[in-house]
N, C-alpha and C. Protein backbone atom coordinates (compact mmCIF):
# COMPACT_ATOMS: atom_id res chain seq x y z
N MET A 1 34.96 -26.39 16.63
CA MET A 1 34.10 -25.88 17.67
C MET A 1 34.93 -25.72 18.94
N LEU A 2 34.80 -24.59 19.57
CA LEU A 2 35.48 -24.34 20.83
C LEU A 2 34.57 -24.74 21.98
N VAL A 3 35.18 -25.34 22.98
CA VAL A 3 34.44 -25.78 24.15
C VAL A 3 35.09 -25.18 25.38
N LYS A 4 34.31 -24.58 26.22
CA LYS A 4 34.85 -24.02 27.46
C LYS A 4 35.16 -25.17 28.40
N SER A 5 36.35 -25.12 28.98
CA SER A 5 36.72 -26.16 29.93
C SER A 5 37.25 -25.49 31.19
N SER A 6 37.47 -26.30 32.18
CA SER A 6 38.00 -25.79 33.43
C SER A 6 39.34 -26.47 33.71
N TYR A 7 40.08 -25.89 34.61
CA TYR A 7 41.36 -26.47 35.01
C TYR A 7 41.15 -27.90 35.51
N GLU A 8 40.12 -28.10 36.31
CA GLU A 8 39.87 -29.42 36.87
C GLU A 8 39.60 -30.46 35.79
N GLN A 9 38.79 -30.07 34.79
CA GLN A 9 38.49 -30.99 33.69
C GLN A 9 39.76 -31.32 32.91
N GLU A 10 40.56 -30.30 32.63
CA GLU A 10 41.79 -30.52 31.87
C GLU A 10 42.76 -31.38 32.66
N LYS A 11 42.86 -31.14 33.96
CA LYS A 11 43.75 -31.95 34.80
C LYS A 11 43.31 -33.41 34.81
N GLU A 12 42.03 -33.66 34.89
CA GLU A 12 41.52 -35.02 34.86
C GLU A 12 41.89 -35.71 33.55
N ILE A 13 41.75 -35.00 32.45
CA ILE A 13 42.08 -35.57 31.14
C ILE A 13 43.57 -35.90 31.06
N VAL A 14 44.41 -34.96 31.48
CA VAL A 14 45.86 -35.19 31.46
C VAL A 14 46.22 -36.35 32.37
N ASP A 15 45.68 -36.36 33.58
CA ASP A 15 45.97 -37.44 34.52
C ASP A 15 45.58 -38.80 33.94
N GLU A 16 44.45 -38.85 33.26
CA GLU A 16 44.00 -40.10 32.65
C GLU A 16 44.96 -40.55 31.55
N ILE A 17 45.39 -39.60 30.73
CA ILE A 17 46.29 -39.92 29.62
C ILE A 17 47.63 -40.41 30.14
N ILE A 18 48.19 -39.73 31.14
CA ILE A 18 49.53 -40.10 31.60
C ILE A 18 49.55 -41.25 32.60
N SER A 19 48.41 -41.61 33.14
CA SER A 19 48.38 -42.65 34.16
C SER A 19 48.84 -44.01 33.64
N SER A 20 48.67 -44.26 32.38
CA SER A 20 49.04 -45.57 31.84
C SER A 20 50.37 -45.57 31.10
N ASP A 21 51.09 -44.44 31.13
CA ASP A 21 52.35 -44.34 30.40
C ASP A 21 53.39 -43.69 31.30
N ALA A 22 54.28 -44.51 31.87
CA ALA A 22 55.26 -44.01 32.84
C ALA A 22 56.19 -42.97 32.22
N GLU A 23 56.61 -43.15 31.00
CA GLU A 23 57.51 -42.20 30.34
C GLU A 23 56.80 -40.87 30.10
N LEU A 24 55.58 -40.93 29.65
CA LEU A 24 54.81 -39.71 29.43
C LEU A 24 54.58 -38.98 30.76
N LYS A 25 54.31 -39.73 31.82
CA LYS A 25 54.12 -39.12 33.13
C LYS A 25 55.40 -38.42 33.58
N LYS A 26 56.54 -39.06 33.37
CA LYS A 26 57.83 -38.47 33.74
C LYS A 26 58.06 -37.17 32.96
N GLN A 27 57.79 -37.18 31.67
CA GLN A 27 57.97 -35.98 30.85
C GLN A 27 57.04 -34.86 31.30
N HIS A 28 55.83 -35.21 31.66
CA HIS A 28 54.87 -34.22 32.13
C HIS A 28 55.36 -33.59 33.45
N GLU A 29 55.87 -34.42 34.35
CA GLU A 29 56.38 -33.91 35.61
C GLU A 29 57.58 -32.98 35.40
N LEU A 30 58.46 -33.34 34.46
CA LEU A 30 59.60 -32.48 34.14
C LEU A 30 59.13 -31.14 33.57
N PHE A 31 58.13 -31.18 32.72
CA PHE A 31 57.56 -29.96 32.15
C PHE A 31 57.01 -29.06 33.25
N LEU A 32 56.24 -29.63 34.17
CA LEU A 32 55.66 -28.85 35.26
C LEU A 32 56.75 -28.26 36.15
N THR A 33 57.80 -29.01 36.40
CA THR A 33 58.92 -28.52 37.22
C THR A 33 59.61 -27.36 36.53
N GLU A 34 59.82 -27.47 35.23
CA GLU A 34 60.45 -26.40 34.48
C GLU A 34 59.60 -25.13 34.50
N MET A 35 58.31 -25.28 34.31
CA MET A 35 57.42 -24.11 34.32
C MET A 35 57.39 -23.45 35.71
N ALA A 36 57.40 -24.26 36.76
CA ALA A 36 57.40 -23.72 38.12
C ALA A 36 58.71 -22.98 38.39
N PHE A 37 59.82 -23.51 37.92
CA PHE A 37 61.12 -22.86 38.09
C PHE A 37 61.14 -21.50 37.40
N LYS A 38 60.68 -21.45 36.18
CA LYS A 38 60.66 -20.19 35.44
C LYS A 38 59.73 -19.18 36.10
N GLN A 39 58.62 -19.64 36.64
CA GLN A 39 57.71 -18.73 37.33
C GLN A 39 58.36 -18.18 38.60
N GLU A 40 59.12 -19.02 39.29
CA GLU A 40 59.83 -18.55 40.48
C GLU A 40 60.85 -17.48 40.12
N MET A 41 61.52 -17.63 38.99
CA MET A 41 62.48 -16.63 38.53
C MET A 41 61.76 -15.30 38.27
N ILE A 42 60.64 -15.36 37.61
CA ILE A 42 59.86 -14.15 37.32
C ILE A 42 59.40 -13.51 38.62
N ASN A 43 58.89 -14.32 39.54
CA ASN A 43 58.43 -13.80 40.83
C ASN A 43 59.56 -13.13 41.60
N ALA A 44 60.76 -13.73 41.55
CA ALA A 44 61.91 -13.17 42.26
C ALA A 44 62.29 -11.82 41.64
N ARG A 45 62.26 -11.73 40.32
CA ARG A 45 62.57 -10.47 39.64
C ARG A 45 61.56 -9.40 40.02
N LYS A 46 60.29 -9.75 39.95
CA LYS A 46 59.22 -8.78 40.25
C LYS A 46 59.21 -8.38 41.72
N ALA A 47 59.58 -9.28 42.62
CA ALA A 47 59.61 -8.96 44.05
C ALA A 47 60.63 -7.86 44.34
N GLN A 48 61.61 -7.74 43.47
CA GLN A 48 62.62 -6.69 43.62
C GLN A 48 62.30 -5.48 42.74
N ALA A 49 61.10 -5.47 42.18
CA ALA A 49 60.66 -4.38 41.31
C ALA A 49 61.60 -4.15 40.14
N LEU A 50 62.12 -5.25 39.59
CA LEU A 50 63.02 -5.17 38.44
C LEU A 50 62.26 -5.51 37.16
N THR A 51 62.55 -4.79 36.10
CA THR A 51 61.98 -5.11 34.80
C THR A 51 62.95 -6.03 34.06
N GLN A 52 62.49 -6.59 32.96
CA GLN A 52 63.40 -7.39 32.14
C GLN A 52 64.58 -6.54 31.67
N LYS A 53 64.32 -5.29 31.37
CA LYS A 53 65.39 -4.39 30.93
C LYS A 53 66.42 -4.19 32.05
N ASP A 54 65.95 -4.07 33.29
CA ASP A 54 66.86 -3.96 34.43
C ASP A 54 67.76 -5.19 34.53
N VAL A 55 67.16 -6.36 34.42
CA VAL A 55 67.92 -7.61 34.51
C VAL A 55 68.91 -7.69 33.35
N SER A 56 68.51 -7.23 32.19
CA SER A 56 69.40 -7.20 31.04
C SER A 56 70.64 -6.36 31.35
N ARG A 57 70.42 -5.18 31.89
CA ARG A 57 71.52 -4.29 32.22
C ARG A 57 72.43 -4.90 33.29
N LEU A 58 71.85 -5.50 34.31
CA LEU A 58 72.61 -6.07 35.42
C LEU A 58 73.37 -7.34 35.03
N SER A 59 72.81 -8.11 34.12
CA SER A 59 73.38 -9.41 33.77
C SER A 59 74.29 -9.38 32.56
N GLY A 60 74.12 -8.37 31.72
CA GLY A 60 74.87 -8.34 30.47
C GLY A 60 74.21 -9.15 29.37
N LEU A 61 73.06 -9.73 29.68
CA LEU A 61 72.30 -10.48 28.68
C LEU A 61 71.38 -9.49 27.95
N SER A 62 71.01 -9.82 26.73
CA SER A 62 70.08 -8.95 26.01
C SER A 62 68.68 -9.06 26.64
N GLN A 63 67.88 -8.04 26.42
CA GLN A 63 66.51 -8.08 26.92
C GLN A 63 65.76 -9.22 26.26
N GLN A 64 66.09 -9.51 25.00
CA GLN A 64 65.46 -10.63 24.29
C GLN A 64 65.81 -11.96 24.96
N ALA A 65 67.05 -12.08 25.45
CA ALA A 65 67.45 -13.31 26.15
C ALA A 65 66.67 -13.45 27.45
N ILE A 66 66.48 -12.35 28.16
CA ILE A 66 65.70 -12.38 29.40
C ILE A 66 64.28 -12.84 29.10
N SER A 67 63.71 -12.29 28.05
CA SER A 67 62.35 -12.67 27.65
C SER A 67 62.29 -14.15 27.29
N ARG A 68 63.28 -14.65 26.56
CA ARG A 68 63.29 -16.08 26.19
C ARG A 68 63.36 -16.96 27.43
N ILE A 69 64.18 -16.57 28.39
CA ILE A 69 64.29 -17.34 29.63
C ILE A 69 62.93 -17.43 30.31
N GLU A 70 62.26 -16.29 30.41
CA GLU A 70 60.99 -16.23 31.13
C GLU A 70 59.82 -16.83 30.36
N ASN A 71 59.95 -16.92 29.06
CA ASN A 71 58.84 -17.42 28.24
C ASN A 71 59.00 -18.87 27.82
N GLY A 72 59.97 -19.54 28.36
CA GLY A 72 60.05 -20.97 28.15
C GLY A 72 60.92 -21.46 27.02
N ALA A 73 61.66 -20.56 26.37
CA ALA A 73 62.55 -21.01 25.30
C ALA A 73 63.72 -21.78 25.93
N SER A 74 64.29 -22.63 25.15
CA SER A 74 65.44 -23.40 25.61
C SER A 74 66.65 -22.47 25.74
N VAL A 75 67.27 -22.46 26.91
CA VAL A 75 68.45 -21.64 27.15
C VAL A 75 69.50 -22.47 27.86
N THR A 76 70.73 -21.99 27.84
CA THR A 76 71.80 -22.74 28.52
C THR A 76 71.75 -22.50 30.02
N ILE A 77 72.35 -23.40 30.76
CA ILE A 77 72.40 -23.25 32.21
C ILE A 77 73.22 -22.01 32.56
N GLY A 78 74.23 -21.70 31.76
CA GLY A 78 75.04 -20.51 32.00
C GLY A 78 74.21 -19.23 31.92
N THR A 79 73.28 -19.19 30.98
CA THR A 79 72.40 -18.03 30.84
C THR A 79 71.49 -17.91 32.05
N VAL A 80 70.97 -19.02 32.51
CA VAL A 80 70.10 -19.00 33.70
C VAL A 80 70.91 -18.52 34.91
N ILE A 81 72.15 -18.98 35.04
CA ILE A 81 72.98 -18.58 36.17
C ILE A 81 73.26 -17.08 36.12
N LYS A 82 73.54 -16.54 34.95
CA LYS A 82 73.76 -15.09 34.81
C LYS A 82 72.51 -14.32 35.23
N TYR A 83 71.36 -14.79 34.79
CA TYR A 83 70.09 -14.16 35.16
C TYR A 83 69.94 -14.14 36.67
N LEU A 84 70.09 -15.32 37.28
CA LEU A 84 69.90 -15.43 38.73
C LEU A 84 70.91 -14.60 39.50
N ASP A 85 72.16 -14.62 39.08
CA ASP A 85 73.20 -13.85 39.75
C ASP A 85 72.87 -12.36 39.73
N SER A 86 72.34 -11.89 38.61
CA SER A 86 72.05 -10.46 38.47
C SER A 86 70.94 -9.97 39.41
N ILE A 87 70.09 -10.90 39.87
CA ILE A 87 69.03 -10.50 40.81
C ILE A 87 69.31 -11.00 42.23
N GLY A 88 70.56 -11.46 42.44
CA GLY A 88 70.97 -11.83 43.79
C GLY A 88 70.62 -13.24 44.21
N TYR A 89 70.42 -14.14 43.26
CA TYR A 89 70.07 -15.52 43.57
C TYR A 89 71.16 -16.46 43.05
N THR A 90 71.17 -17.68 43.56
CA THR A 90 72.06 -18.71 43.06
C THR A 90 71.23 -19.93 42.69
N LEU A 91 71.84 -20.79 41.94
CA LEU A 91 71.19 -22.04 41.56
C LEU A 91 71.79 -23.16 42.37
N THR A 92 70.95 -23.93 43.02
CA THR A 92 71.42 -25.08 43.79
C THR A 92 70.62 -26.30 43.38
N ILE A 93 71.15 -27.44 43.68
CA ILE A 93 70.41 -28.68 43.42
C ILE A 93 70.27 -29.44 44.74
N LYS A 94 69.23 -30.23 44.80
CA LYS A 94 69.03 -31.04 45.98
C LYS A 94 68.40 -32.36 45.55
N LYS A 95 68.66 -33.36 46.34
CA LYS A 95 68.08 -34.68 46.07
C LYS A 95 66.62 -34.69 46.47
N LYS A 96 65.80 -35.37 45.70
CA LYS A 96 64.37 -35.45 46.01
C LYS A 96 64.14 -36.10 47.34
């Protein structure tokens, strides 16, 4: 049976599940960070009116690789750097 739910209900359920498990909470936070990073990459590409095919041409990566990067597949840091470089961005790290 399918049940309609809302973001708020789902967030409450997830928060309840992870509240008692520090490791699970850490993994969930890492997942959210990864998804936000990938969305920022997509937003940066679209802000420049570039298609995945354009990024493929500029980066030397296949269009399939660009799609995998944007759709959450595991990729190397080198591939991410090539993607970012091709749209005029760099990767930096900072302490929390």
